Each structure stands twice: as C-alpha cells, then as structure tokens.
Protein backbone atom coordinates (compact mmCIF):
# COMPACT_ATOMS: atom_id res chain seq x y z
CA UNK A 1 104.79 106.76 105.22
CA UNK A 2 106.04 103.19 104.67
CA UNK A 3 103.31 102.10 102.24
CA UNK A 4 103.70 105.31 100.21
CA UNK A 5 107.49 105.55 100.28
CA UNK A 6 109.04 106.32 96.89
CA UNK A 7 112.75 105.69 96.35
CA UNK A 8 114.87 106.36 93.26
CA UNK A 9 117.88 104.09 92.71
CA UNK A 10 120.54 105.70 90.51
CA UNK A 11 122.75 102.75 89.59
CA UNK A 12 124.23 101.82 86.19
CA UNK A 13 124.83 98.12 86.88
CA UNK A 14 121.51 96.42 85.95
CA UNK A 15 121.98 93.37 88.17
CA UNK A 16 122.76 95.52 91.22
CA UNK A 17 119.84 97.82 90.47
CA UNK A 18 117.39 94.91 90.08
CA UNK A 19 118.59 93.29 93.31
CA UNK A 20 118.31 96.53 95.24
CA UNK A 21 114.90 97.30 93.75
CA UNK A 22 113.63 93.87 94.78
CA UNK A 23 114.91 94.25 98.34
CA UNK A 24 113.30 97.67 98.77
CA UNK A 25 110.00 96.41 97.39
CA UNK A 26 110.21 93.56 99.89
CA UNK A 27 110.01 96.25 102.61
CA UNK A 28 106.82 97.53 100.97
CA UNK A 29 108.47 100.55 99.34
CA UNK A 30 108.06 101.72 95.75
CA UNK A 31 111.44 101.79 93.98
CA UNK A 32 112.31 103.18 90.53
CA UNK A 33 115.64 102.81 88.75
CA UNK A 34 117.74 105.15 86.64
CA UNK A 35 121.04 104.16 85.05
CA UNK A 36 122.16 107.67 84.12
CA UNK A 37 122.44 111.14 85.59
CA UNK A 38 120.37 112.66 82.79
CA UNK A 39 117.41 110.30 83.34
CA UNK A 40 117.64 110.62 87.13
CA UNK A 41 117.50 114.41 86.90
CA UNK A 42 114.40 114.21 84.70
CA UNK A 43 112.69 111.67 86.96
CA UNK A 44 113.24 113.75 90.11
CA UNK A 45 111.89 116.85 88.36
CA UNK A 46 108.68 115.07 87.35
CA UNK A 47 108.10 112.69 90.28
CA UNK A 48 108.35 113.19 94.04
CA UNK A 49 110.78 110.84 95.79
CA UNK A 50 111.35 110.59 99.52
CA UNK A 51 114.83 109.12 99.08
CA UNK A 52 117.44 109.00 96.30
CA UNK A 53 120.11 106.27 96.45
CA UNK A 54 122.91 107.66 94.33
CA UNK A 55 126.04 105.99 92.97
CA UNK A 56 129.09 108.16 92.26
CA UNK A 57 130.54 106.50 89.17
CA UNK A 58 127.89 106.81 86.46
CA UNK A 59 128.29 106.59 82.67
CA UNK A 60 127.44 110.24 81.99
CA UNK A 61 129.07 111.95 84.95
CA UNK A 62 129.78 112.06 88.67
CA UNK A 63 126.99 111.32 91.12
CA UNK A 64 128.27 113.93 93.56
CA UNK A 65 127.72 116.61 90.92
CA UNK A 66 124.15 115.33 90.50
CA UNK A 67 123.70 115.42 94.28
CA UNK A 68 124.59 119.11 94.31
CA UNK A 69 122.16 119.78 91.43
CA UNK A 70 119.31 117.86 93.07
CA UNK A 71 119.64 119.96 96.19
CA UNK A 72 118.43 122.90 94.10
CA UNK A 73 114.97 121.47 93.44
CA UNK A 74 114.14 118.53 95.73
CA UNK A 75 113.75 117.88 99.43
CA UNK A 76 114.47 114.18 98.97
CA UNK A 77 116.96 112.58 101.34
CA UNK A 78 120.08 111.60 99.38
CA UNK A 79 122.23 108.62 100.32
CA UNK A 80 125.40 108.01 98.33
CA UNK A 81 125.73 104.25 97.73
CA UNK A 82 129.13 103.59 96.19
CA UNK A 83 132.26 101.45 96.18
CA UNK A 84 134.42 104.58 96.47
CA UNK A 85 135.63 104.69 100.06
CA UNK A 86 138.16 107.53 99.87
CA UNK A 87 137.76 110.09 102.65
CA UNK A 88 137.88 112.93 100.11
CA UNK A 89 134.84 111.54 98.27
CA UNK A 90 132.86 111.18 101.49
CA UNK A 91 133.69 114.72 102.59
CA UNK A 92 132.85 116.18 99.19
CA UNK A 93 129.53 114.29 98.97
CA UNK A 94 128.42 115.41 102.43
CA UNK A 95 129.47 118.99 101.75
CA UNK A 96 127.54 118.97 98.47
CA UNK A 97 124.28 117.95 100.09
CA UNK A 98 124.30 114.18 100.70
CA UNK A 99 122.54 113.08 103.89
CA UNK A 100 124.52 109.86 104.28
CA UNK A 101 127.27 107.82 102.62
CA UNK A 102 127.14 104.02 102.40
CA UNK A 103 130.05 102.00 101.02
CA UNK A 104 129.53 98.86 98.92
CA UNK A 105 129.24 96.02 99.72
CA UNK A 106 126.67 96.52 102.47
CA UNK A 107 123.97 94.57 104.32
CA UNK A 108 120.40 95.33 103.28
CA UNK A 109 119.40 95.71 106.93
CA UNK A 110 121.97 98.48 107.31
CA UNK A 111 120.63 100.26 104.24
CA UNK A 112 117.09 100.01 105.61
CA UNK A 113 118.23 101.45 108.95
CA UNK A 114 120.04 104.32 107.23
CA UNK A 115 117.00 105.09 105.07
CA UNK A 116 114.77 105.27 108.14
CA UNK A 117 117.33 107.46 109.93
CA UNK A 118 117.55 110.03 107.12
CA UNK A 119 113.77 110.03 106.81
CA UNK A 120 113.41 110.90 110.49
CA UNK A 121 115.90 113.73 110.10
CA UNK A 122 114.41 114.99 106.83
CA UNK A 123 110.69 114.56 107.37
CA UNK A 124 110.40 114.14 111.14
CA UNK A 125 109.05 110.60 110.72
CA UNK A 126 108.18 108.73 113.89
CA UNK A 127 109.24 105.26 112.77
CA UNK A 128 107.30 102.34 111.23
CA UNK A 129 103.59 103.01 110.81
CA UNK A 130 100.54 100.78 110.30
CA UNK A 131 97.83 102.23 108.07
CA UNK A 132 94.24 101.22 107.44
CA UNK A 133 92.28 103.80 105.44
CA UNK A 134 92.25 106.93 107.65
CA UNK A 135 93.74 105.17 110.67
CA UNK A 136 97.49 105.36 111.37
CA UNK A 137 99.31 103.73 114.28
CA UNK A 138 102.98 103.94 115.31
CA UNK A 139 103.85 100.85 117.43
CA UNK A 140 107.24 102.13 118.62
CA UNK A 141 105.93 105.54 119.69
CA UNK A 142 102.65 104.06 120.96
CA UNK A 143 100.49 106.68 119.33
CA UNK A 144 97.65 106.61 116.81
CA UNK A 145 95.61 109.05 114.79
CA UNK A 146 92.55 109.10 112.57
CA UNK A 147 92.23 111.55 109.72
CA UNK A 148 95.30 113.36 111.07
CA UNK A 149 93.78 113.83 114.54
CA UNK A 150 95.41 112.08 117.55
CA UNK A 151 93.47 109.32 119.31
CA UNK A 152 93.64 109.54 123.10
CA UNK A 153 93.75 105.82 123.89
CA UNK A 154 94.36 103.97 127.11
CA UNK A 155 97.08 101.32 127.21
CA UNK A 156 94.65 98.45 126.56
CA UNK A 157 92.73 100.36 123.90
CA UNK A 158 96.01 100.95 122.09
CA UNK A 159 97.05 97.30 122.39
CA UNK A 160 93.68 96.20 121.05
CA UNK A 161 93.80 98.61 118.13
CA UNK A 162 97.33 97.42 117.36
CA UNK A 163 96.09 93.82 117.09
CA UNK A 164 93.26 94.90 114.78
CA UNK A 165 95.63 96.99 112.63
CA UNK A 166 97.97 94.02 112.30
CA UNK A 167 95.05 91.81 111.19
CA UNK A 168 92.66 93.90 109.06
CA UNK A 169 89.72 92.09 107.44
CA UNK A 170 90.41 89.06 109.65
CA UNK A 171 87.95 87.54 112.11
CA UNK A 172 89.48 87.50 115.60
CA UNK A 173 87.96 85.55 118.47
CA UNK A 174 87.79 86.97 121.99
CA UNK A 175 90.39 84.41 123.09
CA UNK A 176 92.76 85.53 120.34
CA UNK A 177 92.31 89.17 121.29
CA UNK A 178 92.89 88.35 124.96
CA UNK A 179 96.07 86.47 124.11
CA UNK A 180 97.50 89.14 121.81
CA UNK A 181 96.44 92.31 123.66
CA UNK A 182 96.45 91.16 127.29
CA UNK A 183 98.80 88.20 127.31
CA UNK A 184 98.57 84.60 128.43
CA UNK A 185 98.45 85.41 132.14
CA UNK A 186 95.32 87.55 132.13
CA UNK A 187 92.82 86.65 134.85
CA UNK A 188 90.46 89.63 134.75
CA UNK A 189 86.78 89.91 133.91
CA UNK A 190 85.61 87.64 131.10
CA UNK A 191 83.91 90.52 129.25
CA UNK A 192 86.98 92.77 129.22
CA UNK A 193 87.35 92.42 125.44
CA UNK A 194 83.76 93.50 124.79
CA UNK A 195 84.11 96.49 127.12
CA UNK A 196 87.40 97.60 125.56
CA UNK A 197 86.04 97.21 122.03
CA UNK A 198 83.10 99.46 122.95
CA UNK A 199 85.46 102.08 124.33
CA UNK A 200 87.68 101.84 121.26
CA UNK A 201 84.67 102.32 118.99
CA UNK A 202 83.84 105.51 120.91
CA UNK A 203 87.20 106.95 119.84
CA UNK A 204 86.63 106.32 116.13
CA UNK A 205 85.07 109.05 113.99
CA UNK A 206 81.39 108.51 113.23
CA UNK A 207 81.82 109.48 109.57
CA UNK A 208 84.78 107.13 108.99
CA UNK A 209 84.62 104.16 106.65
CA UNK A 210 86.47 102.15 109.30
CA UNK A 211 84.53 100.06 111.80
CA UNK A 212 85.05 97.24 114.28
CA UNK A 213 82.35 94.79 113.32
CA UNK A 214 80.83 92.27 115.72
CA UNK A 215 80.76 88.75 114.29
CA UNK A 216 78.09 86.86 116.20
CA UNK A 217 79.40 83.66 117.71
CA UNK A 218 82.95 84.47 116.56
CA UNK A 219 84.38 87.78 117.75
CA UNK A 220 85.36 91.00 115.98
CA UNK A 221 86.87 92.27 112.74
CA UNK A 222 88.43 95.58 111.67
CA UNK A 223 86.86 96.38 108.30
CA UNK A 224 85.35 99.13 106.22
CA UNK A 225 81.68 99.92 106.03
CA UNK A 226 81.65 98.82 102.37
CA UNK A 227 83.06 95.34 103.03
C-alpha cells in the first residue's frame, strides 16, 4: 500500500501543515491538506483516504465533532494530532471514533509508526511492501505475490527476488547478487545464481510484463517486457 497511500492532514496552521505534508511525502505517501472542517468533510466525501490526521482546534469547529461525522461515511483510520493533552479530550476523541491520539510536539518517526499501526488494525496490512508492476513483496513477513496470487518461494529465491525488487531496472552482476542474497561467506557452487534465477523465473506468470532479463557478460536485471 505504501506507494498508493493517501493521507489527509486537517491542520489550520499553514507552516505546520506544509512541514507535515513534506515529511509524509518523504515516506513516499500522498498527502493533501485542509485547513477547515468544511473543506475536510468535502474532500473525504469525494476522495478516498487511508488515513486522516485531524487537529482538534480548527477555525470552524471542533475536530472531535468532525471525527464523529467522518465515521458515518469513511473507513479511513483517524489519528487526532493536537496540542490538547487533557484526559477528557483523549477519552472523548477515542469514544467518538478516533483510532489514535498523538500530542504535539511529536517525533516524525513516532507518527510514522502510529500510522502503520492503525493501518494494520484497519486494513490488515502486513507492513512495508515493495511493488514492481504486478509483483508485491513484504520483507518483514517474507512473503510475495504476483497479481494477487502468493508465490511459493524457497529462502534463496525470496532473497534473490528481494534484491531485484530493491534494484529494479538496474544491471546486477552475479557477484553483486551473491553478496546481497547469499552473503560474503558463501562458498557453494559457482553457478548457484544462474540456477536460482531460472527457478525464480519459473514462479513468475508467463503473461506478466515483468521479467528477469539476462545481460550477456554482465548479469541480470528485473525489468518489464517493454523496456
């Protein structure tokens, strides 16, 4: 989901909103900004968002009231991001549908962790994902799929695919693949990369645009058939 993540920031301080938008985009996420409750309500009705970051003190009302309203027509995870640290506000926000409550000031890394946590609870996400056309790979869960169908990979096939997914459209020599997928201390057969690439190719769908191309005298490259 990471590359397609859409987040709405409801924050009336322009400098804070711009900073937060830039940080979220740095993670590869798409972030929109609304400075009012009225605009935020309209945006959520007309655009799907995975997460809404919602301040409480807004110029045209209370963010907790908006949180309760949003719960009527969106599945988006809602995180209150506010300077108000009173226990009564936190209880009210959570009772009115907020998934989490983050008090300003905060570290960006904590916000990122909280976003990922609410996404897992809301959408059943499996953590960070690498995507290349119809291929998806979850490094933490050590699983991969193509076109929504699981790939039954061995340990080395997975490690090799991970290296390719981390370096799409890049020529990789056999020595580089050995180093990254097998490690410095590998002393096996010299053709192990070629054998594992062949096995990995067998797992990929024949009608896919994705291929592992052989670069004569160089090595291999993960690319599309139109490259």
